[in-house]
């Protein structure tokens, strides 16, 4: 519920949306960097570069804050806690990184097609401000999600590891809710 509330709050103003997307920048940076570097078979099998959100998020940040946006981006405590956990699991139990990939990518892929028009309409923004919500490399989200689940179901993990993944996904949903409610701050706002 907090994620939905946080998303709706992000529609209240352009600065709120920019902060919301800025918090996602830190989260996706960690997920994409660590999943790209991982040698764990489960992470390698579930790593789909066509889902990467860093380039679209960077375009959105540039739209909102100009070329020097990175120097003004400061993560919130909730964002830092989320990123810290992602880094911890990647280091200690890398297969749990898949839970964070699932929570972020599939949620944003599934909801992105609905959210982009809502964001543009409610804030009178052009498409150039909502790259994050557009998955150009995934023309058929439903088919892609089906493929993702098929891959997930073939991972060679013990029952205990599978349960840990479910538990971590639940934790990730809670962090996602906190992250949606407490975005970063920007010096320019």
N, C-alpha and C. Protein backbone atom coordinates (compact mmCIF):
# COMPACT_ATOMS: atom_id res chain seq x y z
N UNK A 1 0.81 -1.19 0.00
CA UNK A 1 0.00 0.00 0.00
C UNK A 1 0.86 1.26 0.00
N UNK A 2 1.97 1.25 0.76
CA UNK A 2 2.83 2.44 0.79
C UNK A 2 3.41 2.74 -0.57
N UNK A 3 3.73 1.67 -1.38
CA UNK A 3 4.27 1.94 -2.71
C UNK A 3 3.24 2.69 -3.54
N UNK A 4 1.99 2.23 -3.51
CA UNK A 4 0.93 2.90 -4.27
C UNK A 4 0.78 4.33 -3.79
N UNK A 5 0.81 4.53 -2.49
CA UNK A 5 0.71 5.87 -1.94
C UNK A 5 1.90 6.71 -2.38
N UNK A 6 3.09 6.13 -2.32
CA UNK A 6 4.29 6.85 -2.75
C UNK A 6 4.23 7.20 -4.23
N UNK A 7 3.75 6.26 -5.05
CA UNK A 7 3.64 6.54 -6.47
C UNK A 7 2.63 7.66 -6.71
N UNK A 8 1.48 7.58 -6.05
CA UNK A 8 0.48 8.63 -6.23
C UNK A 8 1.00 9.97 -5.73
N UNK A 9 1.78 9.96 -4.65
CA UNK A 9 2.39 11.20 -4.16
C UNK A 9 3.36 11.74 -5.22
N UNK A 10 4.03 10.85 -5.94
CA UNK A 10 4.97 11.31 -6.97
C UNK A 10 4.25 12.02 -8.10
N UNK A 11 2.94 11.80 -8.23
CA UNK A 11 2.16 12.48 -9.25
C UNK A 11 1.68 13.86 -8.81
N UNK A 12 1.97 14.24 -7.57
CA UNK A 12 1.47 15.50 -7.05
C UNK A 12 2.20 16.71 -7.60
N UNK A 13 3.43 16.53 -8.02
CA UNK A 13 4.20 17.64 -8.56
C UNK A 13 5.39 17.11 -9.35
N UNK A 14 5.93 17.97 -10.18
CA UNK A 14 7.12 17.57 -10.94
C UNK A 14 8.29 17.29 -10.01
N UNK A 15 8.56 18.13 -8.99
CA UNK A 15 9.66 17.80 -8.08
C UNK A 15 9.44 16.47 -7.35
N UNK A 16 8.20 16.14 -7.00
CA UNK A 16 7.94 14.86 -6.33
C UNK A 16 8.26 13.69 -7.26
N UNK A 17 7.87 13.81 -8.53
CA UNK A 17 8.19 12.75 -9.49
C UNK A 17 9.70 12.64 -9.67
N UNK A 18 10.38 13.77 -9.79
CA UNK A 18 11.83 13.75 -9.96
C UNK A 18 12.51 13.06 -8.78
N UNK A 19 12.04 13.34 -7.56
CA UNK A 19 12.60 12.69 -6.37
C UNK A 19 12.33 11.19 -6.39
N UNK A 20 11.14 10.80 -6.75
CA UNK A 20 10.77 9.39 -6.83
C UNK A 20 11.69 8.66 -7.81
N UNK A 21 11.84 9.23 -9.00
CA UNK A 21 12.70 8.60 -10.01
C UNK A 21 14.17 8.63 -9.58
N UNK A 22 14.56 9.68 -8.88
CA UNK A 22 15.93 9.76 -8.38
C UNK A 22 16.25 8.65 -7.40
N UNK A 23 15.29 8.31 -6.54
CA UNK A 23 15.53 7.22 -5.59
C UNK A 23 15.70 5.90 -6.34
N UNK A 24 14.93 5.73 -7.41
CA UNK A 24 15.05 4.51 -8.20
C UNK A 24 16.40 4.43 -8.91
N UNK A 25 16.98 5.57 -9.24
CA UNK A 25 18.28 5.59 -9.89
C UNK A 25 19.31 4.85 -9.03
N UNK A 26 19.34 5.14 -7.72
CA UNK A 26 20.31 4.49 -6.83
C UNK A 26 20.05 2.99 -6.72
N UNK A 27 18.79 2.63 -6.63
CA UNK A 27 18.43 1.21 -6.49
C UNK A 27 18.81 0.44 -7.74
N UNK A 28 18.45 0.97 -8.90
CA UNK A 28 18.77 0.27 -10.14
C UNK A 28 20.27 0.25 -10.41
N UNK A 29 20.97 1.30 -10.01
CA UNK A 29 22.42 1.29 -10.19
C UNK A 29 23.01 0.09 -9.46
N UNK A 30 22.58 -0.14 -8.24
CA UNK A 30 23.11 -1.27 -7.46
C UNK A 30 22.71 -2.60 -8.09
N UNK A 31 21.45 -2.76 -8.42
CA UNK A 31 20.99 -4.02 -9.00
C UNK A 31 21.72 -4.32 -10.31
N UNK A 32 21.83 -3.34 -11.18
CA UNK A 32 22.42 -3.58 -12.49
C UNK A 32 23.92 -3.79 -12.42
N UNK A 33 24.58 -3.04 -11.58
CA UNK A 33 26.03 -3.23 -11.41
C UNK A 33 26.32 -4.62 -10.83
N UNK A 34 25.62 -4.97 -9.77
CA UNK A 34 25.90 -6.23 -9.08
C UNK A 34 25.44 -7.45 -9.88
N UNK A 35 24.33 -7.35 -10.58
CA UNK A 35 23.89 -8.50 -11.38
C UNK A 35 24.80 -8.69 -12.60
N UNK A 36 25.32 -7.60 -13.14
CA UNK A 36 26.26 -7.70 -14.26
C UNK A 36 27.59 -8.32 -13.83
N UNK A 37 28.01 -8.03 -12.60
CA UNK A 37 29.28 -8.55 -12.09
C UNK A 37 29.19 -9.96 -11.53
N UNK A 38 28.00 -10.39 -11.17
CA UNK A 38 27.84 -11.66 -10.47
C UNK A 38 28.22 -12.86 -11.34
N UNK A 39 28.84 -13.82 -10.68
CA UNK A 39 29.15 -15.08 -11.37
C UNK A 39 28.24 -16.20 -10.90
N UNK A 40 27.31 -15.90 -10.00
CA UNK A 40 26.40 -16.93 -9.51
C UNK A 40 25.46 -17.36 -10.64
N UNK A 41 25.31 -18.67 -10.86
CA UNK A 41 24.49 -19.17 -11.98
C UNK A 41 23.04 -18.66 -11.96
N UNK A 42 22.44 -18.54 -10.78
CA UNK A 42 21.05 -18.06 -10.71
C UNK A 42 20.95 -16.61 -11.18
N UNK A 43 21.89 -15.80 -10.76
CA UNK A 43 21.87 -14.39 -11.16
C UNK A 43 22.15 -14.27 -12.66
N UNK A 44 23.12 -15.02 -13.15
CA UNK A 44 23.44 -14.97 -14.58
C UNK A 44 22.23 -15.38 -15.42
N UNK A 45 21.51 -16.40 -14.96
CA UNK A 45 20.36 -16.90 -15.72
C UNK A 45 19.22 -15.89 -15.73
N UNK A 46 19.09 -15.09 -14.68
CA UNK A 46 17.97 -14.15 -14.56
C UNK A 46 18.35 -12.73 -14.97
N UNK A 47 19.59 -12.54 -15.38
CA UNK A 47 20.05 -11.20 -15.78
C UNK A 47 19.68 -10.95 -17.24
N UNK A 48 18.75 -10.06 -17.45
CA UNK A 48 18.30 -9.69 -18.79
C UNK A 48 18.62 -8.21 -19.01
N UNK A 49 19.67 -7.89 -19.75
CA UNK A 49 20.05 -6.49 -19.96
C UNK A 49 18.94 -5.64 -20.58
N UNK A 50 18.01 -6.26 -21.30
CA UNK A 50 16.93 -5.48 -21.90
C UNK A 50 16.00 -4.85 -20.85
N UNK A 51 16.13 -5.27 -19.61
CA UNK A 51 15.34 -4.69 -18.53
C UNK A 51 16.04 -3.49 -17.86
N UNK A 52 17.30 -3.28 -18.14
CA UNK A 52 18.06 -2.24 -17.46
C UNK A 52 17.37 -0.88 -17.52
N UNK A 53 17.35 -0.21 -16.39
CA UNK A 53 16.65 1.07 -16.26
C UNK A 53 17.59 2.25 -16.11
N UNK A 54 18.89 2.02 -15.94
CA UNK A 54 19.82 3.13 -15.74
C UNK A 54 19.80 4.12 -16.91
N UNK A 55 19.91 3.69 -18.15
CA UNK A 55 19.89 4.68 -19.23
C UNK A 55 18.59 5.50 -19.28
N UNK A 56 17.41 4.88 -19.17
CA UNK A 56 16.20 5.70 -19.18
C UNK A 56 16.10 6.63 -17.96
N UNK A 57 16.52 6.15 -16.79
CA UNK A 57 16.48 7.02 -15.61
C UNK A 57 17.42 8.20 -15.77
N UNK A 58 18.59 7.99 -16.35
CA UNK A 58 19.53 9.09 -16.58
C UNK A 58 18.91 10.13 -17.52
N UNK A 59 18.21 9.68 -18.56
CA UNK A 59 17.54 10.62 -19.47
C UNK A 59 16.48 11.44 -18.73
N UNK A 60 15.72 10.77 -17.86
CA UNK A 60 14.70 11.49 -17.10
C UNK A 60 15.33 12.50 -16.14
N UNK A 61 16.40 12.12 -15.47
CA UNK A 61 17.06 13.05 -14.55
C UNK A 61 17.61 14.25 -15.32
N UNK A 62 18.16 14.00 -16.49
CA UNK A 62 18.67 15.11 -17.30
C UNK A 62 17.53 16.03 -17.73
N UNK A 63 16.39 15.45 -18.07
CA UNK A 63 15.22 16.27 -18.44
C UNK A 63 14.84 17.19 -17.28
N UNK A 64 14.77 16.63 -16.06
CA UNK A 64 14.30 17.41 -14.92
C UNK A 64 15.35 18.37 -14.37
N UNK A 65 16.64 18.00 -14.42
CA UNK A 65 17.66 18.77 -13.72
C UNK A 65 18.83 19.23 -14.56
N UNK A 66 18.83 18.92 -15.84
CA UNK A 66 19.92 19.35 -16.69
C UNK A 66 21.13 18.43 -16.64
N UNK A 67 22.17 18.84 -17.34
CA UNK A 67 23.36 18.01 -17.51
C UNK A 67 24.09 17.67 -16.21
N UNK A 68 24.02 18.52 -15.22
CA UNK A 68 24.77 18.33 -13.98
C UNK A 68 23.94 17.68 -12.87
N UNK A 69 22.91 16.94 -13.22
CA UNK A 69 22.00 16.38 -12.22
C UNK A 69 22.67 15.46 -11.21
N UNK A 70 23.69 14.71 -11.63
CA UNK A 70 24.33 13.75 -10.72
C UNK A 70 24.95 14.43 -9.50
N UNK A 71 25.46 15.61 -9.68
CA UNK A 71 26.12 16.29 -8.56
C UNK A 71 25.13 16.78 -7.51
N UNK A 72 23.84 16.80 -7.82
CA UNK A 72 22.87 17.28 -6.85
C UNK A 72 21.99 16.18 -6.27
N UNK A 73 22.21 14.95 -6.66
CA UNK A 73 21.39 13.83 -6.21
C UNK A 73 21.91 13.29 -4.88
N UNK A 74 21.06 13.30 -3.86
CA UNK A 74 21.42 12.82 -2.53
C UNK A 74 20.38 11.79 -2.11
N UNK A 75 20.78 10.53 -1.87
CA UNK A 75 19.79 9.50 -1.52
C UNK A 75 19.25 9.68 -0.10
N UNK A 76 18.00 9.30 0.07
CA UNK A 76 17.38 9.33 1.41
C UNK A 76 17.92 8.16 2.23
N UNK A 77 17.62 8.17 3.52
CA UNK A 77 18.02 7.06 4.38
C UNK A 77 17.36 5.76 3.94
N UNK A 78 16.09 5.83 3.54
CA UNK A 78 15.39 4.62 3.08
C UNK A 78 16.05 4.06 1.83
N UNK A 79 16.45 4.94 0.92
CA UNK A 79 17.12 4.50 -0.29
C UNK A 79 18.47 3.87 0.04
N UNK A 80 19.22 4.50 0.93
CA UNK A 80 20.52 3.95 1.33
C UNK A 80 20.37 2.59 1.99
N UNK A 81 19.33 2.40 2.80
CA UNK A 81 19.10 1.10 3.44
C UNK A 81 18.78 0.04 2.40
N UNK A 82 17.98 0.39 1.43
CA UNK A 82 17.59 -0.53 0.35
C UNK A 82 18.85 -0.94 -0.43
N UNK A 83 19.63 0.04 -0.84
CA UNK A 83 20.85 -0.24 -1.60
C UNK A 83 21.83 -1.06 -0.77
N UNK A 84 21.95 -0.76 0.50
CA UNK A 84 22.85 -1.51 1.38
C UNK A 84 22.45 -2.99 1.44
N UNK A 85 21.17 -3.24 1.52
CA UNK A 85 20.71 -4.64 1.56
C UNK A 85 21.01 -5.34 0.23
N UNK A 86 20.79 -4.66 -0.87
CA UNK A 86 21.09 -5.25 -2.18
C UNK A 86 22.57 -5.63 -2.26
N UNK A 87 23.43 -4.74 -1.80
CA UNK A 87 24.86 -5.01 -1.81
C UNK A 87 25.22 -6.15 -0.87
N UNK A 88 24.57 -6.21 0.28
CA UNK A 88 24.83 -7.28 1.25
C UNK A 88 24.48 -8.65 0.67
N UNK A 89 23.29 -8.78 0.07
CA UNK A 89 22.92 -10.10 -0.46
C UNK A 89 23.80 -10.48 -1.64
N UNK A 90 24.18 -9.51 -2.46
CA UNK A 90 25.04 -9.81 -3.60
C UNK A 90 26.38 -10.36 -3.13
N UNK A 91 26.84 -9.88 -2.01
CA UNK A 91 28.12 -10.31 -1.44
C UNK A 91 28.01 -11.65 -0.71
N UNK A 92 26.95 -11.82 0.09
CA UNK A 92 26.86 -12.97 0.99
C UNK A 92 26.05 -14.15 0.44
N UNK A 93 24.97 -13.86 -0.24
CA UNK A 93 24.10 -14.90 -0.81
C UNK A 93 23.59 -14.39 -2.15
N UNK A 94 24.43 -14.42 -3.16
CA UNK A 94 24.11 -13.75 -4.42
C UNK A 94 22.79 -14.17 -5.06
N UNK A 95 22.36 -15.40 -4.85
CA UNK A 95 21.10 -15.83 -5.46
C UNK A 95 19.92 -14.99 -4.96
N UNK A 96 20.07 -14.36 -3.78
CA UNK A 96 19.00 -13.50 -3.28
C UNK A 96 18.87 -12.20 -4.07
N UNK A 97 19.90 -11.88 -4.84
CA UNK A 97 19.80 -10.72 -5.73
C UNK A 97 18.64 -10.89 -6.71
N UNK A 98 18.34 -12.12 -7.08
CA UNK A 98 17.23 -12.40 -7.99
C UNK A 98 15.91 -11.90 -7.40
N UNK A 99 15.76 -11.96 -6.10
CA UNK A 99 14.55 -11.46 -5.46
C UNK A 99 14.38 -9.96 -5.68
N UNK A 100 15.47 -9.24 -5.63
CA UNK A 100 15.41 -7.79 -5.87
C UNK A 100 15.19 -7.50 -7.35
N UNK A 101 15.78 -8.30 -8.20
CA UNK A 101 15.55 -8.14 -9.64
C UNK A 101 14.06 -8.36 -9.94
N UNK A 102 13.50 -9.40 -9.35
CA UNK A 102 12.09 -9.71 -9.53
C UNK A 102 11.21 -8.55 -9.06
N UNK A 103 11.46 -8.09 -7.85
CA UNK A 103 10.63 -7.05 -7.25
C UNK A 103 10.65 -5.77 -8.07
N UNK A 104 11.82 -5.36 -8.48
CA UNK A 104 11.93 -4.09 -9.22
C UNK A 104 11.52 -4.26 -10.68
N UNK A 105 12.24 -5.11 -11.40
CA UNK A 105 12.03 -5.18 -12.84
C UNK A 105 10.62 -5.59 -13.23
N UNK A 106 10.13 -6.68 -12.65
CA UNK A 106 8.83 -7.15 -13.08
C UNK A 106 7.72 -6.20 -12.67
N UNK A 107 7.83 -5.61 -11.49
CA UNK A 107 6.84 -4.62 -11.09
C UNK A 107 6.83 -3.42 -12.00
N UNK A 108 8.01 -2.92 -12.33
CA UNK A 108 8.08 -1.74 -13.19
C UNK A 108 7.74 -2.06 -14.64
N UNK A 109 8.10 -3.24 -15.10
CA UNK A 109 7.72 -3.65 -16.45
C UNK A 109 6.21 -3.81 -16.56
N UNK A 110 5.64 -4.50 -15.59
CA UNK A 110 4.20 -4.75 -15.61
C UNK A 110 3.41 -3.45 -15.51
N UNK A 111 3.82 -2.58 -14.59
CA UNK A 111 3.07 -1.35 -14.37
C UNK A 111 3.45 -0.19 -15.25
N UNK A 112 4.62 -0.26 -15.88
CA UNK A 112 5.12 0.87 -16.65
C UNK A 112 4.20 1.35 -17.76
N UNK A 113 3.59 0.42 -18.44
CA UNK A 113 2.71 0.80 -19.56
C UNK A 113 1.49 1.58 -19.06
N UNK A 114 1.05 1.28 -17.86
CA UNK A 114 -0.09 2.02 -17.29
C UNK A 114 0.37 3.33 -16.66
N UNK A 115 1.54 3.30 -16.04
CA UNK A 115 1.98 4.47 -15.27
C UNK A 115 2.45 5.63 -16.14
N UNK A 116 3.12 5.34 -17.24
CA UNK A 116 3.65 6.43 -18.07
C UNK A 116 2.56 7.40 -18.51
N UNK A 117 1.44 6.93 -19.07
CA UNK A 117 0.39 7.88 -19.46
C UNK A 117 -0.19 8.64 -18.26
N UNK A 118 -0.32 7.96 -17.11
CA UNK A 118 -0.83 8.63 -15.91
C UNK A 118 0.10 9.75 -15.48
N UNK A 119 1.39 9.48 -15.48
CA UNK A 119 2.38 10.48 -15.09
C UNK A 119 2.34 11.66 -16.06
N UNK A 120 2.37 11.37 -17.34
CA UNK A 120 2.38 12.45 -18.34
C UNK A 120 1.11 13.30 -18.26
N UNK A 121 -0.03 12.65 -18.12
CA UNK A 121 -1.30 13.37 -18.07
C UNK A 121 -1.41 14.20 -16.80
N UNK A 122 -1.14 13.59 -15.66
CA UNK A 122 -1.35 14.29 -14.38
C UNK A 122 -0.39 15.46 -14.19
N UNK A 123 0.80 15.39 -14.77
CA UNK A 123 1.79 16.45 -14.59
C UNK A 123 2.05 17.25 -15.86
N UNK A 124 1.27 16.99 -16.91
CA UNK A 124 1.43 17.69 -18.19
C UNK A 124 2.87 17.62 -18.69
N UNK A 125 3.39 16.41 -18.72
CA UNK A 125 4.78 16.20 -19.14
C UNK A 125 4.83 15.55 -20.52
N UNK A 126 5.89 15.84 -21.26
CA UNK A 126 6.07 15.17 -22.55
C UNK A 126 6.67 13.77 -22.34
N UNK A 127 6.62 12.93 -23.36
CA UNK A 127 7.23 11.60 -23.25
C UNK A 127 8.72 11.65 -22.86
N UNK A 128 9.41 12.73 -23.19
CA UNK A 128 10.83 12.85 -22.87
C UNK A 128 11.10 12.87 -21.36
N UNK A 129 10.06 13.03 -20.54
CA UNK A 129 10.23 13.08 -19.10
C UNK A 129 9.93 11.74 -18.43
N UNK A 130 9.52 10.76 -19.21
CA UNK A 130 9.09 9.49 -18.61
C UNK A 130 9.72 8.28 -19.29
N UNK A 131 10.98 8.37 -19.60
CA UNK A 131 11.69 7.24 -20.22
C UNK A 131 11.69 6.01 -19.33
N UNK A 132 11.76 6.22 -18.01
CA UNK A 132 11.84 5.10 -17.07
C UNK A 132 10.72 4.09 -17.28
N UNK A 133 9.55 4.57 -17.58
CA UNK A 133 8.38 3.70 -17.67
C UNK A 133 8.25 2.98 -19.01
N UNK A 134 9.14 3.28 -19.94
CA UNK A 134 9.07 2.69 -21.28
C UNK A 134 10.18 1.66 -21.44
N UNK A 135 9.79 0.43 -21.68
CA UNK A 135 10.75 -0.66 -21.89
C UNK A 135 10.82 -0.94 -23.39
N UNK A 136 11.60 -0.14 -24.09
CA UNK A 136 11.68 -0.25 -25.55
C UNK A 136 12.19 -1.61 -26.01
N UNK A 137 13.04 -2.22 -25.22
CA UNK A 137 13.66 -3.50 -25.60
C UNK A 137 12.76 -4.70 -25.28
N UNK A 138 11.58 -4.42 -24.73
CA UNK A 138 10.65 -5.50 -24.37
C UNK A 138 9.30 -5.18 -25.03
N UNK A 139 9.16 -5.53 -26.32
CA UNK A 139 7.93 -5.17 -27.04
C UNK A 139 6.67 -5.87 -26.54
N UNK A 140 6.82 -7.05 -25.94
CA UNK A 140 5.67 -7.79 -25.45
C UNK A 140 5.90 -8.14 -23.98
N UNK A 141 5.51 -7.25 -23.05
CA UNK A 141 5.77 -7.48 -21.64
C UNK A 141 5.21 -8.80 -21.11
N UNK A 142 4.01 -9.18 -21.50
CA UNK A 142 3.43 -10.41 -20.99
C UNK A 142 4.27 -11.62 -21.39
N UNK A 143 4.67 -11.68 -22.65
CA UNK A 143 5.50 -12.80 -23.11
C UNK A 143 6.84 -12.79 -22.39
N UNK A 144 7.40 -11.60 -22.18
CA UNK A 144 8.67 -11.51 -21.49
C UNK A 144 8.55 -11.99 -20.05
N UNK A 145 7.50 -11.57 -19.37
CA UNK A 145 7.28 -11.98 -17.98
C UNK A 145 7.10 -13.49 -17.90
N UNK A 146 6.39 -14.06 -18.86
CA UNK A 146 6.24 -15.52 -18.90
C UNK A 146 7.61 -16.20 -19.04
N UNK A 147 8.46 -15.66 -19.91
CA UNK A 147 9.81 -16.19 -20.09
C UNK A 147 10.61 -16.07 -18.79
N UNK A 148 10.49 -14.93 -18.14
CA UNK A 148 11.22 -14.68 -16.90
C UNK A 148 10.82 -15.71 -15.85
N UNK A 149 9.51 -15.94 -15.70
CA UNK A 149 9.03 -16.93 -14.72
C UNK A 149 9.48 -18.35 -15.09
N UNK A 150 9.49 -18.66 -16.36
CA UNK A 150 9.96 -19.98 -16.79
C UNK A 150 11.42 -20.17 -16.38
N UNK A 151 12.24 -19.16 -16.63
CA UNK A 151 13.65 -19.21 -16.23
C UNK A 151 13.77 -19.35 -14.71
N UNK A 152 12.98 -18.56 -13.99
CA UNK A 152 13.03 -18.59 -12.53
C UNK A 152 12.73 -20.00 -12.00
N UNK A 153 11.76 -20.64 -12.60
CA UNK A 153 11.35 -21.98 -12.16
C UNK A 153 12.36 -23.07 -12.49
N UNK A 154 13.37 -22.76 -13.28
CA UNK A 154 14.39 -23.75 -13.61
C UNK A 154 15.69 -23.55 -12.83
N UNK A 155 15.71 -22.56 -11.93
CA UNK A 155 16.93 -22.33 -11.15
C UNK A 155 17.20 -23.53 -10.26
N UNK A 156 18.47 -23.90 -10.18
CA UNK A 156 18.86 -25.05 -9.36
C UNK A 156 19.22 -24.56 -7.96
N UNK A 157 18.17 -24.48 -7.13
CA UNK A 157 18.33 -24.03 -5.76
C UNK A 157 17.66 -25.02 -4.82
N UNK A 158 18.19 -25.13 -3.63
CA UNK A 158 17.58 -26.03 -2.64
C UNK A 158 16.24 -25.43 -2.18
N UNK A 159 15.45 -26.24 -1.50
CA UNK A 159 14.18 -25.73 -0.96
C UNK A 159 14.43 -24.60 0.02
N UNK A 160 15.46 -24.74 0.82
CA UNK A 160 15.80 -23.68 1.78
C UNK A 160 16.17 -22.39 1.05
N UNK A 161 16.95 -22.48 -0.02
CA UNK A 161 17.32 -21.29 -0.80
C UNK A 161 16.10 -20.68 -1.47
N UNK A 162 15.21 -21.51 -1.96
CA UNK A 162 13.98 -21.00 -2.57
C UNK A 162 13.16 -20.22 -1.54
N UNK A 163 13.05 -20.77 -0.33
CA UNK A 163 12.31 -20.07 0.72
C UNK A 163 13.00 -18.75 1.08
N UNK A 164 14.33 -18.77 1.12
CA UNK A 164 15.06 -17.52 1.38
C UNK A 164 14.75 -16.48 0.31
N UNK A 165 14.63 -16.94 -0.94
CA UNK A 165 14.30 -16.01 -2.03
C UNK A 165 12.91 -15.41 -1.83
N UNK A 166 11.95 -16.22 -1.42
CA UNK A 166 10.61 -15.71 -1.16
C UNK A 166 10.65 -14.69 -0.02
N UNK A 167 11.36 -15.03 1.04
CA UNK A 167 11.48 -14.12 2.18
C UNK A 167 12.16 -12.82 1.77
N UNK A 168 13.19 -12.92 0.95
CA UNK A 168 13.91 -11.72 0.50
C UNK A 168 13.04 -10.87 -0.41
N UNK A 169 12.23 -11.50 -1.26
CA UNK A 169 11.30 -10.74 -2.11
C UNK A 169 10.31 -9.97 -1.25
N UNK A 170 9.83 -10.60 -0.17
CA UNK A 170 8.93 -9.90 0.74
C UNK A 170 9.63 -8.71 1.40
N UNK A 171 10.89 -8.90 1.80
CA UNK A 171 11.67 -7.78 2.34
C UNK A 171 11.83 -6.69 1.29
N UNK A 172 12.12 -7.10 0.07
CA UNK A 172 12.31 -6.12 -1.01
C UNK A 172 11.03 -5.32 -1.25
N UNK A 173 9.88 -5.97 -1.16
CA UNK A 173 8.62 -5.24 -1.31
C UNK A 173 8.49 -4.20 -0.20
N UNK A 174 8.87 -4.55 1.01
CA UNK A 174 8.80 -3.56 2.11
C UNK A 174 9.76 -2.41 1.84
N UNK A 175 10.99 -2.70 1.39
CA UNK A 175 11.93 -1.63 1.06
C UNK A 175 11.42 -0.80 -0.11
N UNK A 176 10.79 -1.46 -1.04
CA UNK A 176 10.22 -0.74 -2.19
C UNK A 176 9.19 0.26 -1.70
N UNK A 177 8.35 -0.16 -0.76
CA UNK A 177 7.34 0.74 -0.20
C UNK A 177 7.99 1.93 0.49
N UNK A 178 9.02 1.66 1.30
CA UNK A 178 9.71 2.75 1.99
C UNK A 178 10.37 3.68 0.98
N UNK A 179 10.97 3.09 -0.04
CA UNK A 179 11.66 3.88 -1.05
C UNK A 179 10.68 4.78 -1.79
N UNK A 180 9.49 4.26 -2.08
CA UNK A 180 8.48 5.06 -2.78
C UNK A 180 8.01 6.22 -1.93
N UNK A 181 8.03 6.04 -0.64
CA UNK A 181 7.53 7.08 0.26
C UNK A 181 8.60 8.11 0.63
N UNK A 182 9.88 7.76 0.51
CA UNK A 182 10.96 8.64 0.95
C UNK A 182 12.03 8.71 -0.13
N UNK A 183 11.79 9.49 -1.14
CA UNK A 183 12.75 9.61 -2.23
C UNK A 183 13.95 10.43 -1.81
N UNK A 184 14.91 10.61 -2.71
CA UNK A 184 16.11 11.40 -2.41
C UNK A 184 15.76 12.88 -2.41
N UNK A 185 16.69 13.65 -2.05
CA UNK A 185 16.50 15.08 -2.16
C UNK A 185 17.48 15.62 -3.20
N UNK A 186 17.11 16.68 -3.81
CA UNK A 186 17.96 17.33 -4.81
C UNK A 186 18.28 18.73 -4.33
N UNK A 187 19.51 19.12 -4.47
CA UNK A 187 19.90 20.47 -4.06
C UNK A 187 19.12 21.54 -4.82
N UNK A 188 18.71 21.22 -6.03
CA UNK A 188 18.05 22.22 -6.88
C UNK A 188 16.58 22.45 -6.51
N UNK A 189 15.99 21.55 -5.74
CA UNK A 189 14.56 21.68 -5.46
C UNK A 189 14.36 22.55 -4.24
